[in-house]
Amino acid sequence: MSRSWFAATAVLLAGAALVPTPPAPSGALTPTPKAGPEVGLPAGPVRAGAQVLVRLTGWPAGTVQIEVCGNAARRGALDCATADATHAPVPPDGTATLPVRLAVPPVACPCLLRVRTPTGGTAVDVTLPLTGVTAPAVGAEPDPPELVLTGLHAVDRRGVGGWFGLPGKVTVQLTLRNPGPVDVLDPPLSLLVGPPGRVEEIVAAPPLGTLAAGQSRNYSFTVPVDVTGLGRYELHGRIEPPGRPLAFTVRTDRRPWGLLAVPGLASALLVTAIRRRRGKAQR
C-alpha cells in the first residue's frame, strides 16, 4: 500500500470523529413529569348552599376532605365550615369528579374551597366566588396594651448606718404612662436586688393598680437592701402588662467609709493609750 492511501484513510477517520452523534429520542431519556394535585370549579359566581361538581386531578389515592372557608382561611379551621365538609374517595388514578354542597362559612368572604387529605399532607386552596354569605366579617384584633416608663429616680436611704455597711433602704420613684386605648389592670411587678451579676434576692413589690387609657401615674415605694459590703449593687424591676414587658434597673454604690475609718481610729486610740502609759511611767 502506498503512503497516499494511508494519508487518505487518516483524513476520513478524523472527519468521522468530528461528525456530531445524533441525540437519542427525547421520549426515551426524559420521563413525563407527574402533574401535581389540581382542583377544578365551575366558572362564575355560585350561591352558598348550591351543589357543584368539583374536579380533582393528580391526587393521591384515598380520601379527601372538601370544605368552604371564609376570611381567606387566615385563621385556619376557625374560618372554615368544617362540620359541613364533604368527604369522598379518590381512585388510584388520582382523578375524580365529586358533588359538593357549598356550605355557608362561619365568617364573611373572601372565600375559598379547601381540599386536603385527612392528615393535611396534601392540600390545595382555590378561590371561590361565593355569594349569599351574610356572616359577619372578622374584626381586627386590637394590639395588647403596653406601658411606657417616662421617669425613674432612686434615693439611697441608708443614713449613718450605710457608713458602716449596715442594711438600708432605697426609695424608687417611677412614672408610668398608658398610651393605648385600653385600661391596664394592676400589671404584675417583680423586684430583685443584689450585686452586679448576682441580682438574685427577691423583695416584695407593691401593687401598681389600674392605669386608665392615656393616663400617667407616679409611684414611690421603698425597697429594703440587705446587701452589705463594699461596691455596687443593683435593683432590677420588671412590669408585665398584657403586651410587651417593661424592665428597668437602678444602680447605686455602697461605700462604707466608716468601716475603713475603724482600723485607723483604733490605731489612733491604741497609740494614745500607749503614750499615756509611758507618760505615767516616766512620772
Protein backbone atom coordinates (compact mmCIF):
# COMPACT_ATOMS: atom_id res chain seq x y z
CA MET A 1 0.00 0.00 0.00
CA SER A 2 1.18 3.49 -0.84
CA ARG A 3 1.71 6.30 1.53
CA SER A 4 -1.07 8.25 -0.19
CA TRP A 5 -3.60 5.51 0.73
CA PHE A 6 -2.69 5.71 4.45
CA ALA A 7 -2.99 9.52 4.38
CA ALA A 8 -6.47 9.37 2.82
CA THR A 9 -7.64 6.82 5.40
CA ALA A 10 -6.46 9.02 8.29
CA VAL A 11 -8.31 12.02 6.85
CA LEU A 12 -11.55 10.01 6.59
CA LEU A 13 -11.28 8.76 10.21
CA ALA A 14 -10.67 12.27 11.54
CA GLY A 15 -13.71 13.59 9.67
CA ALA A 16 -15.89 10.83 11.08
CA ALA A 17 -14.82 11.72 14.61
CA LEU A 18 -15.91 15.33 14.04
CA VAL A 19 -19.43 14.41 12.87
CA PRO A 20 -21.83 15.00 15.85
CA THR A 21 -23.68 11.98 17.17
CA PRO A 22 -27.46 12.42 16.79
CA PRO A 23 -29.20 12.70 20.17
CA ALA A 24 -31.33 9.88 21.43
CA PRO A 25 -35.08 10.38 21.21
CA SER A 26 -36.21 12.70 23.97
CA GLY A 27 -39.09 10.45 24.90
CA ALA A 28 -36.71 7.67 25.82
CA LEU A 29 -34.50 9.80 28.14
CA THR A 30 -36.83 12.37 29.80
CA PRO A 31 -39.71 10.94 31.82
CA THR A 32 -43.02 12.70 31.65
CA PRO A 33 -43.42 14.91 34.74
CA LYS A 34 -46.24 13.90 37.02
CA ALA A 35 -48.89 16.58 37.40
CA GLY A 36 -49.47 17.89 40.92
CA PRO A 37 -52.85 17.92 42.63
CA GLU A 38 -55.31 20.28 40.99
CA VAL A 39 -58.87 21.38 41.76
CA GLY A 40 -61.36 22.49 39.10
CA LEU A 41 -64.51 24.52 39.80
CA PRO A 42 -67.36 25.77 37.62
CA ALA A 43 -66.78 29.24 36.19
CA GLY A 44 -68.60 32.25 37.57
CA PRO A 45 -70.09 33.10 40.96
CA VAL A 46 -72.08 30.45 42.80
CA ARG A 47 -74.54 30.87 45.64
CA ALA A 48 -73.94 29.47 49.11
CA GLY A 49 -75.89 26.24 49.64
CA ALA A 50 -75.72 25.21 45.99
CA GLN A 51 -74.29 21.88 44.87
CA VAL A 52 -71.45 21.90 42.33
CA LEU A 53 -69.16 19.35 40.72
CA VAL A 54 -65.54 19.58 41.84
CA ARG A 55 -62.94 18.03 39.52
CA LEU A 56 -59.80 16.56 41.11
CA THR A 57 -56.74 15.53 39.12
CA GLY A 58 -53.31 14.33 40.22
CA TRP A 59 -54.40 13.47 43.76
CA PRO A 60 -53.10 10.55 45.83
CA ALA A 61 -55.49 7.63 46.15
CA GLY A 62 -57.53 7.71 49.33
CA THR A 63 -59.97 10.09 51.00
CA VAL A 64 -60.16 13.85 50.63
CA GLN A 65 -61.95 16.48 52.72
CA ILE A 66 -63.55 19.43 50.94
CA GLU A 67 -64.71 22.47 52.92
CA VAL A 68 -65.70 26.08 52.38
CA CYS A 69 -63.72 28.78 54.22
CA GLY A 70 -64.26 32.49 54.69
CA ASN A 71 -61.77 35.22 55.61
CA ALA A 72 -59.41 33.56 53.11
CA ALA A 73 -58.80 30.95 55.86
CA ARG A 74 -56.34 33.29 57.57
CA ARG A 75 -57.13 31.76 60.96
CA GLY A 76 -57.24 28.17 59.76
CA ALA A 77 -60.12 25.97 60.91
CA LEU A 78 -61.80 28.89 62.72
CA ASP A 79 -62.76 30.34 59.33
CA CYS A 80 -63.93 27.06 57.73
CA ALA A 81 -67.26 25.20 57.76
CA THR A 82 -65.53 22.02 58.88
CA ALA A 83 -68.68 20.48 60.36
CA ASP A 84 -70.32 20.58 56.90
CA ALA A 85 -67.27 19.33 54.98
CA THR A 86 -67.58 16.73 52.22
CA HIS A 87 -65.56 13.51 52.49
CA ALA A 88 -65.11 11.48 49.33
CA PRO A 89 -62.78 8.78 47.93
CA VAL A 90 -60.19 9.30 45.19
CA PRO A 91 -59.39 6.26 42.97
CA PRO A 92 -55.83 5.08 42.26
CA ASP A 93 -55.59 7.11 39.05
CA GLY A 94 -55.94 10.29 41.12
CA THR A 95 -58.90 11.66 39.16
CA ALA A 96 -62.42 12.19 40.49
CA THR A 97 -65.48 14.34 39.91
CA LEU A 98 -67.27 14.88 43.21
CA PRO A 99 -70.59 16.56 44.03
CA VAL A 100 -70.04 19.10 46.81
CA ARG A 101 -72.60 21.26 48.58
CA LEU A 102 -71.12 24.67 49.27
CA ALA A 103 -71.84 25.28 52.95
CA VAL A 104 -72.05 28.76 54.40
CA PRO A 105 -68.74 29.67 56.07
CA PRO A 106 -68.74 30.97 59.67
CA VAL A 107 -67.25 34.31 58.62
CA ALA A 108 -67.57 36.62 55.64
CA CYS A 109 -65.67 36.30 52.36
CA PRO A 110 -63.16 36.42 50.66
CA CYS A 111 -63.98 32.71 50.37
CA LEU A 112 -62.09 29.71 49.11
CA LEU A 113 -62.58 25.99 48.71
CA ARG A 114 -60.06 23.93 50.63
CA VAL A 115 -59.33 20.36 49.53
CA ARG A 116 -56.95 18.25 51.62
CA THR A 117 -56.13 14.75 52.66
CA PRO A 118 -57.14 13.70 56.21
CA THR A 119 -53.58 14.20 57.52
CA GLY A 120 -53.12 17.51 55.71
CA GLY A 121 -50.10 16.21 53.80
CA THR A 122 -51.66 17.34 50.52
CA ALA A 123 -53.80 20.47 50.44
CA VAL A 124 -54.96 22.89 47.75
CA ASP A 125 -56.91 26.14 48.21
CA VAL A 126 -58.79 27.67 45.27
CA THR A 127 -60.63 30.97 45.15
CA LEU A 128 -64.39 30.52 45.47
CA PRO A 129 -66.63 33.40 44.23
CA LEU A 130 -69.41 32.67 46.72
CA THR A 131 -72.50 34.83 47.04
CA GLY A 132 -75.22 34.95 49.65
CA VAL A 133 -72.87 34.92 52.66
CA THR A 134 -74.27 37.07 55.48
CA ALA A 135 -71.81 36.02 58.21
CA PRO A 136 -70.01 38.91 59.94
CA ALA A 137 -66.51 39.87 58.95
CA VAL A 138 -63.62 39.17 61.26
CA GLY A 139 -62.73 42.35 63.12
CA ALA A 140 -59.16 43.47 63.54
CA GLU A 141 -57.81 42.31 66.87
CA PRO A 142 -56.59 45.26 69.00
CA ASP A 143 -52.96 45.43 69.97
CA PRO A 144 -52.28 44.27 73.53
CA PRO A 145 -51.90 47.18 75.97
CA GLU A 146 -48.39 48.31 76.79
CA LEU A 147 -46.83 50.72 79.27
CA VAL A 148 -44.14 53.35 78.81
CA LEU A 149 -41.62 54.28 81.50
CA THR A 150 -41.33 58.07 81.41
CA GLY A 151 -39.47 58.71 84.68
CA LEU A 152 -37.15 56.81 87.03
CA HIS A 153 -35.32 58.10 90.10
CA ALA A 154 -33.82 56.36 93.16
CA VAL A 155 -32.69 57.77 96.50
CA ASP A 156 -30.49 55.77 98.88
CA ARG A 157 -31.90 55.98 102.41
CA ARG A 158 -29.11 54.18 104.26
CA GLY A 159 -28.36 57.05 106.61
CA VAL A 160 -25.48 56.80 109.07
CA GLY A 161 -25.78 53.02 109.12
CA GLY A 162 -24.69 52.97 105.49
CA TRP A 163 -21.29 54.31 106.52
CA PHE A 164 -20.66 51.02 108.25
CA GLY A 165 -22.16 48.66 105.68
CA LEU A 166 -25.42 48.11 107.53
CA PRO A 167 -28.60 47.18 105.62
CA GLY A 168 -30.60 50.14 104.39
CA LYS A 169 -33.42 51.18 102.10
CA VAL A 170 -33.78 52.63 98.62
CA THR A 171 -36.74 54.79 97.63
CA VAL A 172 -37.68 54.28 93.99
CA GLN A 173 -39.78 56.87 92.18
CA LEU A 174 -41.05 55.98 88.73
CA THR A 175 -43.64 57.33 86.30
CA LEU A 176 -45.67 55.07 84.02
CA ARG A 177 -47.86 56.07 81.10
CA ASN A 178 -50.53 54.03 79.33
CA PRO A 179 -50.60 55.36 75.73
CA GLY A 180 -53.17 52.84 74.49
CA PRO A 181 -56.98 52.97 74.32
CA VAL A 182 -57.47 50.12 76.84
CA ASP A 183 -57.06 50.21 80.63
CA VAL A 184 -54.21 48.19 82.12
CA LEU A 185 -55.42 46.38 85.23
CA ASP A 186 -52.84 46.01 88.00
CA PRO A 187 -49.87 44.72 85.98
CA PRO A 188 -47.54 42.45 87.99
CA LEU A 189 -44.31 43.99 89.28
CA SER A 190 -41.29 41.91 90.37
CA LEU A 191 -38.15 43.22 92.07
CA LEU A 192 -34.71 41.66 92.54
CA VAL A 193 -31.70 43.15 94.30
CA GLY A 194 -28.03 42.19 94.57
CA PRO A 195 -24.52 42.93 93.32
CA PRO A 196 -23.96 43.02 89.55
CA GLY A 197 -24.08 39.53 88.07
CA ARG A 198 -25.74 38.13 91.21
CA VAL A 199 -29.03 40.02 91.37
CA GLU A 200 -30.97 37.14 92.89
CA GLU A 201 -32.60 38.32 96.13
CA ILE A 202 -36.38 38.70 95.75
CA VAL A 203 -38.00 41.65 97.53
CA ALA A 204 -41.70 42.35 97.98
CA ALA A 205 -43.17 44.56 95.26
CA PRO A 206 -46.16 46.88 95.77
CA PRO A 207 -49.31 46.68 93.59
CA LEU A 208 -49.45 49.15 90.73
CA GLY A 209 -53.25 49.36 90.50
CA THR A 210 -55.10 50.30 87.31
CA LEU A 211 -53.72 52.67 84.69
CA ALA A 212 -56.57 54.09 82.64
CA ALA A 213 -56.23 54.62 78.90
CA GLY A 214 -53.98 57.63 78.27
CA GLN A 215 -53.19 58.06 81.97
CA SER A 216 -49.80 58.73 83.61
CA ARG A 217 -49.17 57.79 87.24
CA ASN A 218 -46.32 58.44 89.65
CA TYR A 219 -45.25 55.70 92.04
CA SER A 220 -42.96 55.85 95.06
CA PHE A 221 -42.02 52.77 97.03
CA THR A 222 -39.24 51.75 99.39
CA VAL A 223 -37.13 48.64 98.83
CA PRO A 224 -35.09 47.16 101.70
CA VAL A 225 -31.49 46.44 100.76
CA ASP A 226 -29.84 43.78 102.90
CA VAL A 227 -26.69 43.63 100.80
CA THR A 228 -23.66 44.55 102.87
CA GLY A 229 -20.09 45.14 101.86
CA LEU A 230 -18.22 47.40 99.50
CA GLY A 231 -19.04 48.15 95.87
CA ARG A 232 -22.06 48.45 93.58
CA TYR A 233 -25.45 46.85 93.84
CA GLU A 234 -28.44 46.84 91.52
CA LEU A 235 -32.21 46.77 91.74
CA HIS A 236 -33.93 45.08 88.79
CA GLY A 237 -37.63 45.69 88.19
CA ARG A 238 -39.93 44.05 85.66
CA ILE A 239 -43.51 45.10 84.88
CA GLU A 240 -45.60 42.68 82.83
CA PRO A 241 -48.72 44.17 81.22
CA PRO A 242 -50.61 42.02 78.67
CA GLY A 243 -48.34 43.37 75.94
CA ARG A 244 -44.58 43.74 75.94
CA PRO A 245 -42.84 43.52 79.35
CA LEU A 246 -41.18 46.64 80.71
CA ALA A 247 -37.87 46.35 82.60
CA PHE A 248 -35.82 48.91 84.49
CA THR A 249 -32.58 48.89 86.53
CA VAL A 250 -31.42 51.08 89.41
CA ARG A 251 -27.70 51.12 90.24
CA THR A 252 -26.02 52.63 93.27
CA ASP A 253 -22.74 52.42 95.16
CA ARG A 254 -22.19 51.17 98.70
CA ARG A 255 -19.12 52.85 100.12
CA PRO A 256 -18.99 52.10 103.87
CA TRP A 257 -16.28 54.61 104.63
CA GLY A 258 -16.95 54.17 108.33
CA LEU A 259 -15.60 50.62 108.16
CA LEU A 260 -12.44 51.90 106.54
CA ALA A 261 -12.04 54.50 109.29
CA VAL A 262 -12.45 52.00 112.13
CA PRO A 263 -8.92 50.49 111.85
CA GLY A 264 -7.39 53.96 111.70
CA LEU A 265 -9.42 55.13 114.68
CA ALA A 266 -8.49 52.01 116.63
CA SER A 267 -4.82 52.55 115.81
CA ALA A 268 -5.01 56.18 116.93
CA LEU A 269 -6.69 55.19 120.19
CA LEU A 270 -4.07 52.50 120.76
CA VAL A 271 -1.20 54.93 120.16
CA THR A 272 -2.81 57.47 122.51
CA ALA A 273 -3.21 54.84 125.24
CA ILE A 274 0.42 53.75 124.88
CA ARG A 275 1.66 57.32 125.14
CA ARG A 276 -0.41 57.90 128.24
CA ARG A 277 1.02 54.81 129.88
CA ARG A 278 4.57 55.87 129.05
CA GLY A 279 3.89 59.35 130.45
CA LYS A 280 2.62 57.88 133.67
CA ALA A 281 5.61 55.56 133.91
CA GLN A 282 8.08 58.47 133.47
CA ARG A 283 6.41 60.41 136.25
